[in-house]
Amino acid sequence: MTLNSKVSLAKALEMSEFELSKYIFRADYLYKRFSIPKKSGGHRHISAPSRELKRIQKWIAHNLLKPLPVHDACTGYRVGMCIVDNARPHVGKDFVLNADIEDFFPSITIDRVNEFFESVGYDQKFAGYLSRLCTHDELLPQGAPTSPDLANLICNKLDTLLSQFCAERNWSYTRYCDDITVSGEGQITRAEINTICDIITSEGFKVNDKKLRVARKTSQQKVTGLVVNERINLPRRERRRVRAMIHRQETTGVASQSTCSKIHGHIAFARMVASASETLE
């Protein structure tokens, strides 16, 4: 079935056109807002959609967004990919540049979402309906099932521009959600760093200056939390923490189900990272 109208979308969602209209035009009122603390300090603001709006957004994500191609350099929010895949291209490089996009999802406005839907073939009116269903207060909400896929798709041009810039210098480039990484041999100049930041800014995003850094071989190089100097590895502090958790459980023999699950999760993740390192050798 071709989706090009409110009627066809309502039919696909198994609801009446009148009911769908309520969600389209009242979407801004169907979110619960709250904040969660960030590891790096401060708070992340979440806009969680109501149960039925979330169901609609999941349908849009699964049927309209996920089938569309994203750039090869994009590794976040993709089935079968994780932070290890994001770190792999940057192992053993002379330099690793880390850049963070500030307020990533809210940086994407309803106008950009609307332009995206029009660019993939939907008419202006229907693109407007989809955009209303996927935004909150005219911004991409942190907490909606559609936001990760829309962000990745809208970033196709950004990924293309940065990939081309890096390819000209034989550098590697990846993006994991709002984490941008560039690595390569030799040196990276201040002018080249400025150009990377200018490209990000030209695409409507803002670089978090506090998180912009370049790590040389002589210092610890990290990509999305993983050390990549010689091989992919967990930071020493994380390895010690996992060993301490295991030792504590073995020594006391007492642990809640949630604690056991947490330990097993850490162990599984450590094994996945170790397996990735072996693959590279």
Protein backbone atom coordinates (compact mmCIF):
# COMPACT_ATOMS: atom_id res chain seq x y z
CA MET A 1 0.00 0.00 0.00
CA THR A 2 1.32 3.44 -0.99
CA LEU A 3 1.36 5.92 1.85
CA ASN A 4 0.59 9.41 0.60
CA SER A 5 -2.32 10.62 2.69
CA LYS A 6 -3.75 10.75 6.18
CA VAL A 7 -6.32 8.14 5.11
CA SER A 8 -3.69 5.62 3.97
CA LEU A 9 -1.59 6.15 7.11
CA ALA A 10 -4.64 5.70 9.36
CA LYS A 11 -5.48 2.47 7.54
CA ALA A 12 -1.91 1.19 7.98
CA LEU A 13 -2.08 2.04 11.69
CA GLU A 14 -5.50 0.38 11.99
CA MET A 15 -7.23 3.47 13.35
CA SER A 16 -9.75 5.97 12.05
CA GLU A 17 -8.69 9.11 10.21
CA PHE A 18 -10.38 11.16 12.95
CA GLU A 19 -8.36 9.40 15.65
CA LEU A 20 -5.10 9.87 13.74
CA SER A 21 -5.89 13.57 13.30
CA LYS A 22 -6.04 13.94 17.07
CA TYR A 23 -2.49 12.61 17.37
CA ILE A 24 -1.22 14.75 14.51
CA PHE A 25 -2.61 18.04 15.81
CA ARG A 26 -2.30 17.34 19.53
CA ALA A 27 1.08 15.59 19.50
CA ASP A 28 2.79 18.37 21.50
CA TYR A 29 0.48 17.66 24.45
CA LEU A 30 1.14 13.92 24.48
CA TYR A 31 4.60 13.89 26.06
CA LYS A 32 5.84 13.50 29.60
CA ARG A 33 8.96 15.52 30.36
CA PHE A 34 11.62 14.56 32.87
CA SER A 35 15.40 14.75 33.33
CA ILE A 36 18.05 12.13 34.05
CA PRO A 37 21.61 12.85 35.26
CA LYS A 38 24.47 12.56 32.76
CA LYS A 39 27.67 10.72 33.68
CA SER A 40 29.61 13.78 32.57
CA GLY A 41 27.51 16.07 34.76
CA GLY A 42 24.36 18.04 34.12
CA HIS A 43 21.06 16.54 33.05
CA ARG A 44 19.60 15.01 29.90
CA HIS A 45 16.07 16.19 29.17
CA ILE A 46 13.71 13.44 28.04
CA SER A 47 10.36 13.89 26.29
CA ALA A 48 8.57 10.54 26.48
CA PRO A 49 5.54 10.13 24.19
CA SER A 50 2.25 8.66 25.39
CA ARG A 51 1.71 4.94 24.83
CA GLU A 52 -0.41 5.34 21.69
CA LEU A 53 1.77 8.07 20.16
CA LYS A 54 4.78 5.86 20.86
CA ARG A 55 3.05 3.01 19.00
CA ILE A 56 2.52 5.29 15.99
CA GLN A 57 6.15 6.44 16.10
CA LYS A 58 7.41 2.86 16.32
CA TRP A 59 5.39 2.02 13.22
CA ILE A 60 6.83 5.02 11.35
CA ALA A 61 10.37 4.11 12.43
CA HIS A 62 10.03 0.45 11.43
CA ASN A 63 8.15 0.91 8.16
CA LEU A 64 9.21 4.30 6.80
CA LEU A 65 12.62 5.11 8.29
CA LYS A 66 14.62 1.94 8.94
CA PRO A 67 14.35 0.72 5.30
CA LEU A 68 16.14 3.90 4.14
CA PRO A 69 19.95 3.83 3.76
CA VAL A 70 22.24 5.73 6.11
CA HIS A 71 25.90 6.59 5.56
CA ASP A 72 28.48 3.84 6.12
CA ALA A 73 30.28 6.07 8.64
CA CYS A 74 27.19 6.12 10.85
CA THR A 75 27.44 3.41 13.53
CA GLY A 76 24.95 4.46 16.22
CA TYR A 77 21.37 3.20 16.49
CA ARG A 78 21.93 0.62 13.75
CA VAL A 79 20.94 -3.02 13.99
CA GLY A 80 23.96 -5.26 14.47
CA MET A 81 26.36 -2.39 15.20
CA CYS A 82 27.74 -1.08 18.49
CA ILE A 83 30.48 1.11 19.95
CA VAL A 84 33.07 -1.52 19.05
CA ASP A 85 32.24 -1.05 15.36
CA ASN A 86 32.59 2.68 15.88
CA ALA A 87 36.02 2.30 17.52
CA ARG A 88 37.48 -0.27 15.10
CA PRO A 89 38.55 2.13 12.27
CA HIS A 90 40.53 4.28 14.73
CA VAL A 91 42.85 1.66 16.25
CA GLY A 92 46.60 2.38 16.21
CA LYS A 93 46.43 5.85 14.65
CA ASP A 94 48.86 8.72 15.25
CA PHE A 95 46.02 11.00 16.34
CA VAL A 96 42.38 10.65 17.35
CA LEU A 97 40.10 13.68 17.29
CA ASN A 98 36.88 13.54 19.33
CA ALA A 99 34.09 16.04 18.73
CA ASP A 100 30.69 16.12 20.39
CA ILE A 101 27.54 17.67 18.93
CA GLU A 102 25.81 19.73 21.60
CA ASP A 103 22.07 19.06 22.16
CA PHE A 104 22.03 16.70 19.19
CA PHE A 105 18.33 15.76 18.89
CA PRO A 106 16.90 19.19 19.84
CA SER A 107 19.21 20.77 17.23
CA ILE A 108 17.02 19.18 14.56
CA THR A 109 13.94 21.34 13.96
CA ILE A 110 10.56 20.41 12.53
CA ASP A 111 11.52 22.27 9.33
CA ARG A 112 14.50 19.97 8.80
CA VAL A 113 12.34 16.91 9.52
CA ASN A 114 9.77 18.20 7.03
CA GLU A 115 12.46 18.80 4.39
CA PHE A 116 13.72 15.27 4.92
CA PHE A 117 10.31 13.66 4.41
CA GLU A 118 9.79 15.75 1.26
CA SER A 119 13.25 14.77 0.00
CA VAL A 120 12.34 11.06 0.09
CA GLY A 121 9.19 11.57 -1.98
CA TYR A 122 6.30 12.54 0.30
CA ASP A 123 4.19 15.53 -0.75
CA GLN A 124 4.30 18.69 1.33
CA LYS A 125 1.03 18.07 3.17
CA PHE A 126 1.74 14.45 4.12
CA ALA A 127 5.35 15.29 5.04
CA GLY A 128 3.89 17.88 7.41
CA TYR A 129 1.71 15.25 9.10
CA LEU A 130 4.67 12.92 9.59
CA SER A 131 6.80 15.76 10.93
CA ARG A 132 4.16 16.69 13.52
CA LEU A 133 3.97 13.07 14.68
CA CYS A 134 7.76 12.89 15.10
CA THR A 135 8.52 16.21 16.81
CA HIS A 136 7.74 17.89 20.13
CA ASP A 137 7.62 21.68 20.41
CA GLU A 138 8.94 21.73 16.82
CA LEU A 139 12.14 19.88 17.78
CA LEU A 140 13.29 16.26 17.60
CA PRO A 141 12.56 14.85 21.07
CA GLN A 142 14.99 12.77 23.09
CA GLY A 143 12.74 9.82 23.94
CA ALA A 144 10.73 9.27 20.75
CA PRO A 145 11.36 5.98 18.86
CA THR A 146 11.62 7.92 15.58
CA SER A 147 14.32 10.36 16.72
CA PRO A 148 17.45 8.15 16.33
CA ASP A 149 16.56 7.07 12.78
CA LEU A 150 15.54 10.57 11.71
CA ALA A 151 18.74 12.03 13.14
CA ASN A 152 20.89 9.49 11.30
CA LEU A 153 19.06 10.07 8.02
CA ILE A 154 19.16 13.85 8.32
CA CYS A 155 22.91 13.59 9.06
CA ASN A 156 23.61 11.85 5.74
CA LYS A 157 24.93 15.09 4.24
CA LEU A 158 27.08 15.82 7.31
CA ASP A 159 28.52 12.29 7.17
CA THR A 160 29.19 12.64 3.44
CA LEU A 161 30.98 15.98 3.80
CA LEU A 162 33.17 14.83 6.70
CA SER A 163 33.91 11.48 5.04
CA GLN A 164 35.04 13.26 1.86
CA PHE A 165 37.22 15.68 3.84
CA CYS A 166 38.85 12.76 5.67
CA ALA A 167 39.20 10.55 2.58
CA GLU A 168 41.24 13.29 0.87
CA ARG A 169 43.75 12.95 3.71
CA ASN A 170 43.53 9.17 4.08
CA TRP A 171 41.94 9.60 7.51
CA SER A 172 39.15 7.58 9.12
CA TYR A 173 35.78 9.07 10.10
CA THR A 174 32.84 7.68 12.08
CA ARG A 175 29.81 9.11 13.87
CA TYR A 176 28.06 7.38 16.76
CA CYS A 177 24.96 9.48 17.42
CA ASP A 178 26.44 12.82 18.57
CA ASP A 179 30.03 11.52 18.93
CA ILE A 180 32.21 12.35 15.93
CA THR A 181 35.65 10.74 15.59
CA VAL A 182 38.41 11.46 13.08
CA SER A 183 41.76 9.64 13.14
CA GLY A 184 44.80 9.25 10.95
CA GLU A 185 48.55 9.15 10.50
CA GLY A 186 50.82 12.15 10.88
CA GLN A 187 49.54 15.43 12.29
CA ILE A 188 46.24 17.27 12.22
CA THR A 189 46.57 21.05 12.05
CA ARG A 190 44.51 23.69 13.83
CA ALA A 191 43.19 24.79 10.41
CA GLU A 192 41.98 21.25 9.69
CA ILE A 193 40.30 21.02 13.10
CA ASN A 194 38.58 24.35 12.39
CA THR A 195 37.39 23.07 9.02
CA ILE A 196 35.86 19.98 10.65
CA CYS A 197 34.05 22.21 13.15
CA ASP A 198 32.92 24.54 10.34
CA ILE A 199 31.42 21.60 8.42
CA ILE A 200 29.50 20.51 11.52
CA THR A 201 28.26 24.08 12.07
CA SER A 202 27.27 24.48 8.41
CA GLU A 203 24.90 21.54 8.84
CA GLY A 204 23.03 23.26 11.66
CA PHE A 205 24.82 21.72 14.63
CA LYS A 206 27.00 23.15 17.40
CA VAL A 207 30.28 21.61 18.54
CA ASN A 208 30.66 21.23 22.30
CA ASP A 209 33.99 23.02 22.75
CA LYS A 210 34.51 21.45 26.19
CA LYS A 211 34.59 17.96 24.66
CA LEU A 212 36.70 18.76 21.59
CA ARG A 213 40.07 17.09 21.97
CA VAL A 214 42.95 15.55 20.00
CA ALA A 215 44.83 12.61 21.54
CA ARG A 216 48.27 11.56 20.28
CA LYS A 217 49.83 8.12 20.56
CA THR A 218 51.66 9.18 23.70
CA SER A 219 48.36 9.67 25.57
CA GLN A 220 45.29 7.50 25.99
CA GLN A 221 43.18 7.57 22.83
CA LYS A 222 39.50 6.82 23.42
CA VAL A 223 36.57 6.39 21.04
CA THR A 224 33.06 6.14 22.51
CA GLY A 225 34.55 5.05 25.82
CA LEU A 226 36.95 2.42 24.43
CA VAL A 227 40.75 2.69 24.34
CA VAL A 228 42.14 2.36 20.79
CA ASN A 229 45.88 3.06 21.12
CA GLU A 230 47.10 -0.39 20.04
CA ARG A 231 43.93 -2.48 20.16
CA ILE A 232 40.36 -2.05 21.31
CA ASN A 233 40.21 -2.33 25.07
CA LEU A 234 38.21 -1.20 28.06
CA PRO A 235 39.76 1.64 30.07
CA ARG A 236 41.88 0.38 32.97
CA ARG A 237 39.42 1.80 35.51
CA GLU A 238 36.54 -0.16 33.96
CA ARG A 239 38.55 -3.40 33.90
CA ARG A 240 39.39 -2.96 37.58
CA ARG A 241 35.75 -2.27 38.41
CA VAL A 242 34.59 -5.47 36.70
CA ARG A 243 37.27 -7.52 38.48
CA ALA A 244 36.27 -5.95 41.82
CA MET A 245 32.60 -6.80 41.25
CA ILE A 246 33.46 -10.42 40.43
CA HIS A 247 35.81 -10.70 43.42
CA ARG A 248 33.20 -9.23 45.77
CA GLN A 249 30.58 -11.73 44.64
CA GLU A 250 32.99 -14.69 44.87
CA THR A 251 34.19 -13.61 48.32
CA THR A 252 30.83 -12.89 49.93
CA GLY A 253 28.74 -15.33 47.91
CA VAL A 254 25.82 -12.96 48.33
CA ALA A 255 24.38 -10.87 45.53
CA SER A 256 20.92 -9.79 44.47
CA GLN A 257 19.49 -10.82 41.13
CA SER A 258 19.92 -7.29 39.78
CA THR A 259 23.58 -7.25 40.91
CA CYS A 260 24.22 -10.61 39.25
CA SER A 261 22.61 -9.38 36.05
CA LYS A 262 24.76 -6.26 36.15
CA ILE A 263 27.94 -8.32 36.65
CA HIS A 264 27.02 -10.69 33.83
CA GLY A 265 26.31 -7.70 31.59
CA HIS A 266 29.74 -6.19 32.32
CA ILE A 267 31.44 -9.54 31.70
CA ALA A 268 29.60 -10.05 28.41
CA PHE A 269 30.57 -6.57 27.27
CA ALA A 270 34.22 -7.10 28.28
CA ARG A 271 34.27 -10.37 26.30
CA MET A 272 32.79 -8.64 23.25
CA VAL A 273 35.51 -5.98 23.40
CA ALA A 274 38.20 -8.64 23.85
CA SER A 275 36.81 -10.57 20.89
CA ALA A 276 37.00 -7.45 18.74
CA SER A 277 40.65 -6.99 19.70
CA GLU A 278 41.45 -10.56 18.68
CA THR A 279 39.76 -10.00 15.32
CA LEU A 280 42.06 -7.06 14.65
CA GLU A 281 45.25 -8.97 15.43
